[in-house]
Protein backbone atom coordinates (compact mmCIF):
# COMPACT_ATOMS: atom_id res chain seq x y z
CA MET A 1 93.50 71.82 112.75
CA PRO A 2 90.11 72.48 110.54
CA ARG A 3 88.84 76.18 110.81
CA SER A 4 86.40 77.95 111.36
CA PRO A 5 84.12 79.46 109.38
CA ARG A 6 84.92 82.59 109.25
CA SER A 7 88.83 81.19 108.56
CA ARG A 8 88.06 79.57 106.04
CA ILE A 9 87.58 81.27 102.23
CA PRO A 10 85.65 79.02 99.94
CA VAL A 11 86.54 77.97 96.95
CA ALA A 12 83.68 79.49 94.74
CA VAL A 13 84.83 82.70 96.60
CA ALA A 14 88.31 82.74 95.21
CA LEU A 15 87.51 81.93 91.68
CA ALA A 16 84.69 84.82 91.30
CA LEU A 17 87.08 87.33 93.47
CA VAL A 18 89.47 88.97 90.53
CA ALA A 19 89.12 86.44 87.38
CA VAL A 20 89.93 89.91 85.30
CA ALA A 21 88.91 89.96 81.75
CA CYS A 22 91.79 91.92 79.82
CA ALA A 23 90.35 94.95 78.12
CA GLY A 24 92.59 95.84 75.35
CA ALA A 25 96.34 94.46 74.84
CA CYS A 26 98.07 91.47 77.80
CA ASP A 27 100.62 90.89 76.50
CA GLY A 28 102.47 92.26 79.50
CA GLY A 29 104.28 95.42 77.56
CA GLY A 30 104.82 98.60 79.03
CA GLY A 31 101.47 100.33 77.95
CA ALA A 32 98.60 101.20 80.06
CA ARG A 33 95.26 99.62 79.42
CA THR A 34 92.38 98.85 81.50
CA VAL A 35 90.83 95.99 83.87
CA PRO A 36 87.35 95.84 84.98
CA MET A 37 86.94 95.06 88.63
CA PRO A 38 83.98 92.10 88.81
CA SER A 39 84.48 91.54 92.45
CA SER A 40 84.52 93.33 96.04
CA VAL A 41 87.91 91.53 96.92
CA MET A 42 89.16 95.69 97.05
CA GLU A 43 86.45 97.40 98.36
CA PRO A 44 86.94 99.89 99.51
CA THR A 45 89.42 101.07 97.35
CA LEU A 46 88.51 100.01 94.21
CA ALA A 47 84.59 99.32 93.66
CA GLN A 48 82.84 96.24 92.25
CA GLY A 49 82.61 97.37 88.69
CA ALA A 50 85.34 100.59 88.50
CA ARG A 51 88.15 100.03 85.79
CA VAL A 52 91.04 100.30 86.21
CA THR A 53 94.27 101.75 84.89
CA VAL A 54 96.88 99.12 84.86
CA THR A 55 101.23 100.26 83.53
CA ARG A 56 103.97 98.69 84.12
CA PRO A 57 107.02 101.38 84.11
CA SER A 58 110.56 100.50 82.35
CA ALA A 59 112.61 100.16 85.17
CA TRP A 60 109.55 99.19 87.45
CA ARG A 61 110.63 98.18 91.13
CA PRO A 62 107.20 96.48 92.96
CA VAL A 63 107.15 97.56 96.44
CA ARG A 64 105.02 96.85 99.88
CA GLY A 65 101.76 98.87 99.72
CA GLU A 66 101.21 98.84 95.48
CA ILE A 67 98.28 98.00 94.06
CA VAL A 68 99.59 95.23 90.93
CA ALA A 69 97.72 93.56 88.54
CA PHE A 70 99.60 89.74 88.12
CA ALA A 71 98.37 86.12 86.26
CA TRP A 72 97.19 83.65 89.39
CA PRO A 73 99.39 81.40 90.03
CA CYS A 74 96.80 78.97 90.05
CA ASP A 75 95.73 79.62 86.64
CA PRO A 76 97.98 82.02 84.48
CA GLY A 77 95.00 82.24 82.38
CA LYS A 78 93.40 84.63 84.82
CA THR A 79 94.51 88.18 86.23
CA PHE A 80 93.63 88.88 89.86
CA VAL A 81 94.51 92.44 91.41
CA MET A 82 95.43 92.89 94.74
CA ARG A 83 98.05 94.83 97.00
CA ILE A 84 101.23 93.58 97.99
CA ALA A 85 101.58 92.88 101.72
CA ALA A 86 104.73 91.43 101.48
CA VAL A 87 108.37 91.43 99.50
CA ALA A 88 111.03 88.77 98.81
CA GLY A 89 112.60 88.50 102.11
CA ASP A 90 109.85 89.58 104.26
CA ALA A 91 108.77 87.46 107.05
CA ILE A 92 105.00 87.94 107.53
CA GLU A 93 101.85 86.92 109.21
CA VAL A 94 98.43 88.51 110.39
CA ARG A 95 97.11 87.33 113.77
CA CYS A 96 93.17 88.98 115.00
CA ASN A 97 93.45 90.60 111.17
CA VAL A 98 96.62 92.42 111.82
CA PRO A 99 99.17 92.23 109.36
CA HIS A 100 102.87 91.87 110.80
CA ILE A 101 105.72 92.51 108.41
CA ASN A 102 109.41 91.35 109.92
CA GLY A 103 107.94 91.54 113.63
CA GLN A 104 105.83 95.04 113.14
CA ALA A 105 102.40 95.28 113.18
CA MET A 106 100.48 97.44 110.52
CA ALA A 107 99.29 100.24 112.36
CA GLN A 108 95.32 100.48 111.44
CA GLU A 109 92.69 102.96 113.04
CA ARG A 110 88.87 102.94 112.57
CA VAL A 111 87.62 105.13 110.60
CA ALA A 112 84.04 106.68 111.83
CA GLY A 113 80.96 106.46 110.11
CA ALA A 114 78.61 103.89 108.41
CA CYS A 115 80.59 100.86 106.24
CA ARG A 116 78.76 99.53 103.32
CA TYR A 117 79.32 98.23 99.71
CA ASP A 118 77.23 96.13 97.37
CA GLU A 119 78.06 93.08 95.71
CA PRO A 120 75.70 90.07 93.68
CA ASP A 121 73.54 87.91 95.81
CA ASP A 122 74.00 84.48 93.85
CA ASP A 123 71.74 82.78 96.80
CA THR A 124 68.52 85.30 95.27
CA PRO A 125 68.02 85.35 91.76
CA GLY A 126 65.92 88.09 90.49
CA ALA A 127 62.99 87.75 87.57
CA GLY A 128 63.75 86.24 84.63
CA GLY A 129 67.08 84.92 86.75
CA ALA A 130 67.86 88.36 87.00
CA ALA A 131 71.35 89.19 88.49
CA THR A 132 70.34 90.64 92.16
CA ARG A 133 72.40 92.73 94.50
CA ARG A 134 72.87 92.90 98.06
CA GLU A 135 74.29 95.42 100.73
CA VAL A 136 76.95 94.44 103.03
CA THR A 137 78.07 95.96 106.12
CA CYS A 138 81.32 96.13 106.93
CA HIS A 139 83.83 98.13 109.25
CA ARG A 140 86.35 100.39 108.00
CA TYR A 141 90.17 101.09 109.09
CA HIS A 142 93.02 103.00 108.33
CA GLU A 143 95.91 101.14 107.38
CA ARG A 144 99.89 102.57 107.22
CA GLN A 145 102.50 100.78 105.74
CA GLY A 146 105.57 102.81 105.66
CA GLU A 147 104.95 105.76 103.17
CA LEU A 148 101.96 104.55 101.89
CA SER A 149 98.31 104.54 103.91
CA TYR A 150 95.25 103.23 102.58
CA ASP A 151 91.74 101.66 103.81
CA ILE A 152 90.78 98.41 104.31
CA VAL A 153 87.60 96.70 105.37
CA LEU A 154 86.56 93.88 107.87
CA ALA A 155 83.11 91.67 107.89
CA GLY A 156 80.45 93.67 109.99
CA ASP A 157 80.23 91.03 112.24
CA ALA A 158 84.56 90.69 112.66
CA PRO A 159 86.29 91.35 115.91
CA GLU A 160 88.25 94.39 116.67
CA PRO A 161 91.32 94.12 115.09
CA GLY A 162 93.72 92.76 117.99
CA VAL A 163 91.32 91.50 119.85
CA GLY A 164 90.55 87.86 118.18
CA GLY A 165 89.45 85.78 115.34
CA GLY A 166 89.98 86.82 111.63
CA LEU A 167 92.39 84.79 109.12
CA ASP A 168 94.74 83.90 110.97
CA PHE A 169 97.89 83.13 108.70
CA PRO A 170 100.08 81.16 108.89
CA ARG A 171 97.95 78.26 110.18
CA GLY A 172 101.39 75.51 110.60
CA GLU A 173 101.27 75.17 106.63
CA LEU A 174 102.06 76.43 103.75
CA PRO A 175 99.62 77.91 101.37
CA ARG A 176 99.37 76.00 98.32
CA CYS A 177 97.18 75.81 94.74
CA ALA A 178 96.25 72.47 95.65
CA GLY A 179 91.75 72.85 96.69
CA GLN A 180 91.55 76.22 95.36
CA GLY A 181 89.95 75.63 92.22
CA GLY A 182 93.01 76.46 89.77
CA GLY A 183 95.07 74.26 87.43
CA GLY A 184 97.58 73.70 89.57
CA ALA A 185 100.46 75.38 88.36
CA GLY A 186 101.06 77.06 91.11
CA ASP A 187 102.11 73.56 93.20
CA GLU A 188 105.88 74.61 90.64
CA VAL A 189 105.99 78.45 92.81
CA ALA A 190 108.89 77.94 95.44
CA PRO A 191 106.09 77.63 98.21
CA GLY A 192 107.89 79.57 100.99
CA VAL A 193 109.52 79.10 104.58
CA LEU A 194 107.57 78.35 107.73
CA SER A 195 109.48 80.26 110.79
CA ALA A 196 109.63 77.37 113.87
CA PRO A 197 106.44 78.13 115.69
CA VAL A 198 106.26 79.64 119.21
CA ASP A 199 105.69 77.85 122.63
CA PRO A 200 102.11 78.34 122.95
CA ALA A 201 103.03 78.22 126.63
CA LEU A 202 105.51 81.59 125.80
CA ALA A 203 102.87 83.34 123.86
CA PRO A 204 100.78 86.10 125.94
CA GLY A 205 98.04 85.37 123.85
CA PRO A 206 96.27 84.36 120.44
CA CYS A 207 97.16 87.92 118.53
CA ALA A 208 100.72 87.80 119.74
CA VAL A 209 103.21 86.75 117.12
CA GLN A 210 103.46 83.00 116.93
CA GLN A 211 105.04 81.95 113.59
CA ARG A 212 105.96 84.06 110.29
CA PHE A 213 106.32 82.99 106.81
CA VAL A 214 109.53 84.01 104.97
CA VAL A 215 108.45 84.94 101.37
CA PRO A 216 110.88 83.40 98.97
CA ALA A 217 113.34 85.05 96.77
CA ASP A 218 111.34 86.81 93.20
CA THR A 219 107.94 86.65 94.64
CA VAL A 220 105.28 88.94 96.04
CA PHE A 221 103.11 88.31 99.09
CA VAL A 222 99.51 89.86 98.06
CA MET A 223 96.02 90.57 99.96
CA GLY A 224 93.23 91.98 99.08
CA ASP A 225 91.95 95.51 100.67
CA ASN A 226 88.57 93.40 101.53
CA ARG A 227 90.10 91.74 104.41
CA ASP A 228 87.70 89.28 105.37
CA HIS A 229 86.19 87.89 102.04
CA ALA A 230 89.48 87.99 99.57
CA SER A 231 90.94 84.58 98.81
CA ASP A 232 94.74 86.29 98.48
CA SER A 233 98.55 85.03 99.04
CA ARG A 234 97.24 83.82 102.30
CA ALA A 235 95.24 80.90 100.96
CA TRP A 236 97.20 79.97 98.10
CA GLY A 237 100.70 81.47 98.23
CA VAL A 238 103.12 83.42 96.90
CA VAL A 239 102.96 85.89 92.96
CA PRO A 240 106.23 84.94 90.79
CA VAL A 241 107.55 88.62 90.16
CA ALA A 242 107.85 87.25 86.33
CA ARG A 243 103.86 87.22 86.85
CA LEU A 244 103.04 90.86 88.05
CA GLN A 245 101.38 92.16 84.52
CA GLY A 246 101.81 95.83 86.38
CA ARG A 247 100.73 98.72 88.70
CA VAL A 248 97.14 99.21 89.14
CA GLU A 249 96.16 102.56 89.51
CA PRO A 250 92.79 103.29 91.25
């Protein structure tokens, strides 16, 4: 089924989101290093242009809700930064902008006040070809996952969570690197398993549980906090734990 304009994540965005250039050692060791955030994929938690610290404790066991740096499965030469939404064995789906983990919807609460952030405007070059920026309006929500809580943003014209629309996942097929602009290495990663879809006649509405994606062993499922403008595991699949470079401290 073709995706609507809202539900399609452009390949160009996928490439530009968080291809992070390493600053300092990039050998995956236990020492701390810093990486820059060149995009808005983790707004409002990590602003574009911010430098974040990556550490890998010796006894680290990644958990849901943590922000991590990792080698992108579709092109391991690029380092991405996103948040773990689900771990191995979890069943995840996203309906109407609400993630469901093992059948439980994540708690979300609207944050009052204006929501805006800046990002490069590639369509409007400045004088002499200089980069220009544009202001993006958004809606901000406080999301809770277990004991962790953080804020996410949705596009300014996005419907309220639980109402309709949004980047639903899964959509009847497994996410893969094909078409995402990488080198295709991610095709070697275990693709995961889709549960049998719920009979549409039995589903109470489009925002109800419909079909779950089960995260494979030794992998994690990641998402950007800027949910409508993040190419993440919903588009290209899971991240092997072996490719996690460390925990990110905002």
